[in-house]
Protein backbone atom coordinates (compact mmCIF):
# COMPACT_ATOMS: atom_id res chain seq x y z
CA MET A 1 163.23 -27.65 -69.65
CA ARG A 2 162.57 -23.96 -70.11
CA HIS A 3 162.94 -21.61 -67.07
CA VAL A 4 159.36 -19.51 -66.78
CA TYR A 5 159.76 -17.81 -63.83
CA SER A 6 161.19 -17.44 -59.95
CA GLY A 7 159.77 -16.08 -57.29
CA LYS A 8 160.75 -15.44 -53.74
CA VAL A 9 160.72 -19.30 -53.22
CA ARG A 10 159.64 -21.00 -56.12
CA ASP A 11 161.57 -21.82 -59.76
CA VAL A 12 158.79 -22.70 -62.12
CA TYR A 13 159.82 -24.51 -65.59
CA GLU A 14 157.88 -25.49 -68.66
CA LEU A 15 157.95 -28.76 -69.69
CA GLU A 16 158.04 -28.73 -73.27
CA SER A 17 157.80 -32.33 -74.46
CA PHE A 18 153.87 -32.25 -73.15
CA ASP A 19 150.97 -31.16 -74.75
CA PRO A 20 148.82 -29.71 -73.21
CA PRO A 21 151.62 -27.41 -71.29
CA ARG A 22 152.99 -29.08 -67.80
CA LEU A 23 154.99 -26.88 -65.35
CA LEU A 24 157.73 -28.31 -63.18
CA MET A 25 157.52 -26.24 -59.75
CA VAL A 26 160.60 -26.26 -57.80
CA ALA A 27 160.30 -24.87 -54.17
CA SER A 28 163.97 -24.02 -52.86
CA ASP A 29 165.47 -23.55 -49.38
CA ARG A 30 164.99 -19.44 -49.50
CA VAL A 31 163.07 -17.65 -47.06
CA SER A 32 161.83 -14.10 -47.27
CA ALA A 33 160.21 -11.89 -45.02
CA PHE A 34 158.35 -8.57 -45.87
CA ASP A 35 158.52 -9.03 -49.21
CA VAL A 36 162.48 -9.30 -49.18
CA VAL A 37 164.55 -12.62 -49.72
CA MET A 38 167.31 -13.44 -47.04
CA ALA A 39 170.66 -14.36 -48.09
CA GLU A 40 170.58 -17.53 -46.14
CA LYS A 41 168.63 -20.70 -46.51
CA VAL A 42 166.82 -22.62 -44.38
CA ALA A 43 167.89 -26.46 -44.63
CA GLY A 44 165.27 -28.78 -46.18
CA LYS A 45 162.70 -26.05 -46.23
CA GLY A 46 161.31 -26.35 -50.04
CA GLN A 47 161.16 -30.42 -49.38
CA ILE A 48 159.02 -29.64 -46.33
CA LEU A 49 156.70 -27.29 -48.23
CA THR A 50 156.15 -29.66 -50.86
CA ALA A 51 155.60 -32.45 -48.83
CA MET A 52 153.01 -30.47 -46.48
CA SER A 53 151.29 -28.92 -49.86
CA CYS A 54 150.99 -32.06 -51.46
CA TRP A 55 149.19 -33.73 -48.42
CA PHE A 56 146.68 -31.10 -47.98
CA MET A 57 146.09 -30.71 -51.73
CA ASP A 58 145.11 -34.74 -51.75
CA LEU A 59 143.14 -34.06 -48.27
CA THR A 60 141.13 -31.31 -49.78
CA SER A 61 140.66 -32.64 -53.38
CA ASP A 62 136.87 -33.47 -52.85
CA ILE A 63 136.58 -29.86 -52.10
CA VAL A 64 138.23 -28.17 -55.26
CA PRO A 65 140.34 -29.89 -57.84
CA ASN A 66 143.83 -28.70 -57.70
CA HIS A 67 146.63 -28.42 -60.36
CA LEU A 68 148.70 -31.64 -59.54
CA VAL A 69 149.54 -34.18 -62.15
CA GLU A 70 152.66 -35.48 -59.85
CA ALA A 71 153.19 -34.96 -56.14
CA LEU A 72 156.49 -37.28 -56.51
CA PRO A 73 157.92 -36.57 -60.04
CA THR A 74 158.97 -39.62 -62.10
CA PRO A 75 161.41 -39.22 -65.05
CA ALA A 76 158.29 -40.15 -67.28
CA GLY A 77 156.23 -37.61 -66.14
CA VAL A 78 159.18 -34.79 -66.48
CA GLY A 79 160.15 -36.18 -69.99
CA GLU A 80 163.75 -36.46 -68.48
CA PRO A 81 166.09 -37.67 -65.78
CA ILE A 82 165.30 -35.76 -62.31
CA ALA A 83 168.52 -33.57 -60.90
CA PRO A 84 169.25 -34.67 -57.41
CA ASP A 85 168.55 -31.16 -56.36
CA PHE A 86 164.96 -31.30 -57.43
CA VAL A 87 164.27 -34.19 -55.58
CA GLY A 88 161.40 -34.22 -52.86
CA ARG A 89 160.92 -30.58 -53.85
CA SER A 90 159.42 -30.40 -57.23
CA VAL A 91 155.89 -31.34 -58.60
CA VAL A 92 154.69 -31.41 -62.05
CA THR A 93 151.62 -29.39 -62.60
CA ARG A 94 148.74 -28.47 -65.17
CA ARG A 95 149.04 -24.74 -66.30
CA ALA A 96 146.33 -22.72 -65.31
CA GLN A 97 145.42 -18.98 -65.79
CA MET A 98 146.07 -17.31 -62.44
CA VAL A 99 143.67 -15.29 -60.67
CA GLU A 100 145.33 -12.53 -59.67
CA LEU A 101 143.59 -12.29 -56.14
CA GLU A 102 145.27 -13.56 -53.16
CA CYS A 103 142.37 -15.24 -51.15
CA ILE A 104 143.32 -14.96 -47.48
CA VAL A 105 141.08 -16.61 -44.67
CA ARG A 106 141.60 -15.31 -41.31
CA GLY A 107 140.16 -17.15 -38.06
CA HIS A 108 142.01 -15.45 -35.51
CA LEU A 109 143.60 -11.87 -35.28
CA ALA A 110 147.20 -11.57 -36.08
CA GLY A 111 149.63 -9.59 -38.33
CA SER A 112 148.43 -6.80 -40.55
CA ALA A 113 144.76 -7.70 -39.55
CA PHE A 114 145.48 -7.32 -35.97
CA LYS A 115 147.03 -3.86 -36.36
CA GLU A 116 143.98 -2.74 -38.80
CA TYR A 117 141.53 -3.88 -36.11
CA VAL A 118 143.35 -1.56 -33.28
CA ALA A 119 143.45 1.09 -35.71
CA GLN A 120 139.94 1.19 -37.22
CA GLY A 121 138.13 -2.01 -35.45
CA THR A 122 137.78 -3.60 -38.95
CA VAL A 123 139.91 -6.44 -40.94
CA HIS A 124 139.92 -5.78 -44.62
CA GLY A 125 137.13 -3.42 -44.14
CA HIS A 126 134.94 -6.13 -42.31
CA PRO A 127 133.58 -4.59 -39.04
CA LEU A 128 134.59 -6.90 -35.73
CA PRO A 129 132.97 -6.89 -32.07
CA SER A 130 135.03 -4.91 -30.09
CA GLY A 131 137.23 -5.93 -26.91
CA LEU A 132 139.23 -8.70 -29.36
CA GLN A 133 143.11 -9.10 -28.39
CA LEU A 134 146.16 -10.42 -30.17
CA ALA A 135 145.42 -13.93 -31.09
CA SER A 136 141.99 -13.97 -30.33
CA PRO A 137 139.33 -16.23 -32.35
CA LEU A 138 137.21 -14.28 -34.83
CA PRO A 139 133.46 -15.02 -34.32
CA GLU A 140 133.89 -16.91 -37.52
CA PRO A 141 136.64 -17.22 -40.30
CA ILE A 142 136.41 -14.56 -42.56
CA PHE A 143 137.48 -14.08 -46.33
CA CYS A 144 140.12 -11.39 -46.65
CA PRO A 145 141.10 -10.85 -50.26
CA SER A 146 144.60 -8.80 -51.22
CA ILE A 147 146.12 -7.87 -54.24
CA LYS A 148 149.61 -7.58 -55.69
CA ASN A 149 150.76 -4.29 -56.57
CA ALA A 150 153.41 -3.75 -58.84
CA VAL A 151 155.46 -1.73 -56.63
CA GLY A 152 155.45 -2.40 -52.62
CA HIS A 153 153.74 -4.99 -50.38
CA ASP A 154 150.35 -6.51 -50.96
CA GLU A 155 147.50 -4.32 -50.28
CA ASN A 156 144.66 -6.00 -48.13
CA ILE A 157 140.91 -5.10 -49.77
CA SER A 158 137.20 -5.44 -49.10
CA VAL A 159 135.51 -8.35 -50.76
CA GLU A 160 133.15 -5.48 -52.22
CA ARG A 161 136.20 -3.77 -54.09
CA ALA A 162 137.37 -7.41 -55.07
CA ARG A 163 133.85 -8.05 -56.54
CA GLU A 164 134.06 -4.64 -58.36
CA MET A 165 137.40 -5.94 -59.83
CA PHE A 166 137.10 -9.62 -60.55
CA GLY A 167 133.39 -9.94 -60.60
CA ALA A 168 130.94 -10.56 -57.82
CA GLU A 169 130.53 -14.50 -58.99
CA LEU A 170 134.11 -15.41 -59.18
CA VAL A 171 134.79 -13.60 -55.68
CA ASP A 172 131.89 -15.36 -54.10
CA ARG A 173 133.23 -18.59 -55.21
CA LEU A 174 136.48 -18.18 -54.20
CA ALA A 175 135.52 -17.15 -50.65
CA GLN A 176 133.15 -20.08 -50.57
CA THR A 177 135.83 -22.43 -51.70
CA SER A 178 138.47 -20.96 -49.61
CA LEU A 179 136.67 -20.90 -46.29
CA ALA A 180 136.03 -24.52 -46.95
CA VAL A 181 139.74 -25.50 -47.51
CA PHE A 182 140.47 -23.81 -44.56
CA ALA A 183 137.85 -25.38 -42.33
CA ARG A 184 139.21 -28.99 -43.43
CA GLY A 185 142.96 -27.61 -42.77
CA SER A 186 141.81 -26.12 -39.14
CA GLU A 187 140.49 -29.64 -38.62
CA ALA A 188 143.33 -31.42 -39.33
CA ALA A 189 145.49 -28.91 -37.90
CA ALA A 190 143.20 -29.48 -34.25
CA LYS A 191 143.78 -32.99 -34.46
CA ALA A 192 147.66 -32.59 -33.80
CA GLY A 193 146.89 -29.59 -31.04
CA ILE A 194 147.77 -27.09 -33.47
CA VAL A 195 145.54 -24.05 -34.39
CA LEU A 196 145.64 -23.09 -38.04
CA ALA A 197 145.00 -19.20 -37.73
CA ASP A 198 145.02 -17.66 -41.38
CA THR A 199 146.40 -18.70 -44.66
CA LYS A 200 146.56 -17.66 -47.81
CA PHE A 201 145.25 -19.46 -51.34
CA GLU A 202 145.60 -18.89 -54.65
CA PHE A 203 143.65 -20.30 -57.67
CA GLY A 204 143.31 -20.42 -61.51
CA HIS A 205 141.29 -21.66 -64.25
CA LEU A 206 142.06 -24.17 -66.78
CA GLU A 207 139.52 -25.14 -69.50
CA GLY A 208 136.77 -23.44 -67.48
CA GLU A 209 137.70 -25.35 -64.14
CA LEU A 210 138.92 -23.60 -61.37
CA LEU A 211 141.87 -25.15 -59.50
CA LEU A 212 143.77 -24.49 -56.49
CA CYS A 213 147.27 -23.73 -57.28
CA ASP A 214 150.55 -23.15 -55.92
CA GLU A 215 151.18 -24.14 -52.10
CA VAL A 216 148.22 -24.97 -49.70
CA LEU A 217 148.43 -24.58 -46.03
CA THR A 218 152.23 -24.66 -45.57
CA PRO A 219 154.31 -22.76 -42.95
CA ASP A 220 155.06 -20.27 -45.51
CA SER A 221 151.53 -19.29 -46.05
CA SER A 222 149.90 -20.09 -42.99
CA ARG A 223 150.10 -19.19 -39.45
CA PHE A 224 150.07 -22.05 -37.09
CA TRP A 225 149.97 -22.08 -33.48
CA GLU A 226 150.35 -24.43 -30.53
CA ALA A 227 146.99 -24.86 -29.28
CA ASP A 228 147.77 -25.73 -25.47
CA ALA A 229 149.48 -22.28 -24.98
CA LEU A 230 147.27 -19.96 -26.80
CA GLU A 231 146.12 -17.18 -24.87
CA PRO A 232 144.52 -14.10 -26.28
CA GLY A 233 146.46 -11.40 -25.63
CA ARG A 234 150.01 -12.87 -25.61
CA GLU A 235 152.41 -13.75 -28.39
CA PRO A 236 151.19 -17.58 -29.80
CA VAL A 237 154.07 -20.22 -29.68
CA GLN A 238 154.55 -20.55 -33.29
CA PHE A 239 155.34 -23.24 -36.11
CA ASP A 240 155.45 -20.65 -39.02
CA LYS A 241 158.16 -18.07 -40.10
CA GLN A 242 157.30 -15.45 -37.42
CA PRO A 243 160.84 -16.08 -35.27
CA LEU A 244 162.33 -14.67 -38.46
CA ARG A 245 160.02 -11.55 -38.68
CA ASP A 246 160.56 -11.29 -34.92
CA TYR A 247 164.44 -11.30 -35.45
CA LEU A 248 164.49 -8.81 -38.39
CA GLU A 249 162.19 -6.38 -36.24
CA SER A 250 164.57 -6.56 -33.42
CA THR A 251 167.45 -5.31 -35.58
CA GLY A 252 165.70 -1.99 -36.57
CA TRP A 253 166.19 -2.96 -40.35
CA ASP A 254 164.07 -0.58 -42.49
CA LYS A 255 162.47 -3.80 -44.49
CA THR A 256 164.40 -2.64 -47.87
CA PRO A 257 167.07 -4.48 -49.47
CA PRO A 258 169.69 -5.69 -48.24
CA PRO A 259 168.36 -7.63 -45.21
CA PRO A 260 170.46 -8.21 -42.04
CA ALA A 261 172.64 -11.61 -41.99
CA LEU A 262 170.68 -13.95 -40.35
CA PRO A 263 172.44 -15.78 -36.99
CA GLY A 264 172.31 -19.63 -37.51
CA GLU A 265 170.15 -20.24 -34.35
CA VAL A 266 167.10 -18.38 -36.38
CA LEU A 267 167.88 -20.39 -39.05
CA ASP A 268 168.02 -23.68 -37.10
CA THR A 269 164.85 -22.64 -35.23
CA LEU A 270 163.09 -22.19 -38.53
CA ALA A 271 163.82 -25.32 -40.03
CA ALA A 272 162.85 -27.32 -36.87
CA ARG A 273 159.64 -25.64 -36.45
CA TYR A 274 159.05 -26.43 -40.19
CA ARG A 275 159.43 -29.91 -39.85
CA SER A 276 157.66 -30.32 -36.46
CA VAL A 277 154.20 -28.87 -37.98
CA TYR A 278 154.87 -31.23 -41.00
CA GLU A 279 155.10 -34.28 -38.78
CA ARG A 280 152.15 -33.29 -36.27
CA ILE A 281 149.83 -32.62 -38.64
CA THR A 282 150.55 -35.46 -41.53
CA GLY A 283 151.18 -38.06 -38.69
CA MET A 284 154.47 -38.95 -41.19
CA PRO A 285 157.94 -38.76 -40.60
CA PHE A 286 159.56 -36.27 -43.01
CA GLU A 287 162.35 -39.33 -43.94
CA ASP A 288 159.38 -41.27 -45.35
CA TRP A 289 158.66 -38.21 -47.92
CA LEU A 290 162.24 -38.20 -48.96
CA ALA A 291 162.25 -41.84 -49.49
CA ARG A 292 159.53 -41.93 -51.54
CA ALA A 293 160.81 -38.84 -53.73
CA GLU A 294 163.77 -40.80 -54.15
CA ALA A 295 162.38 -43.73 -54.90
CA ALA A 296 159.95 -41.99 -57.62
CA ALA A 297 163.06 -40.18 -58.89
CA SER A 298 165.20 -43.12 -59.57
CA THR A 299 162.47 -45.98 -60.40
CA GLY A 300 159.44 -44.46 -61.15
CA ALA A 301 157.80 -45.40 -58.25
CA ALA A 302 154.04 -44.63 -57.54
CA SER A 303 152.92 -41.22 -57.15
CA PHE A 304 151.42 -39.45 -53.83
CA GLY A 305 147.91 -40.78 -53.87
CA ASP A 306 149.18 -44.20 -54.56
């Protein structure tokens, strides 16, 4: 394998023995906030992210194809024995040409969208009714594009600007697809008593086909809230990494490296919440995923959809 890239959470390798090219994407236990990677890790986080993303890709494959080749890699699928550290946290994917636009869908007011609404009455330039509060549901989910800047944080942009930068046809297709996947994810979460407040998707092209790539509807890319406890105007009960953001905000940290050390209770809370939202939405014990991953890595057992 040839190392291609390391992001805040994922490490990507090219599997050089395959033509056309395949990638091995490995989700680490690293955790980030405010675009800064923490020194500590959240035990099992990468395996939970992988399991949940694969589950949602399978659930939404009739809406849009995705980049997965093997969700539970086998030695044959990788071309060599699978390292123990990769088991349960790696997937084999096709190599797509990524669209450099982050496709955010928002169903409730939170985060930077809430701050913009308070200041201007808009979200990504989209005007909203007056009187909405933190965690209020929007009249309908809206597509909110974002671009990555070479320096600093991601930049929220309007749909109109996205059309100017990437073309109206592509952006409209991305919006339609993102909203459809969000609706499917919201339905699955609602059955478990969980609200999908917002999420982020990434897409790529391969041989003229649009593919859903990277991670899908994980606690790292989405806000999940406890439905029964949801009350507009109050901080929701959350299953994502908001407790990490809240702790960091409480320290007075200026959001530049190095970050403050994280206490064990924050790391334990994150691990428990990641696991809880996976098990509630999928209806499967996390141990089942680990057992299937071990079986595939050691014996070449069936992949995720079998």
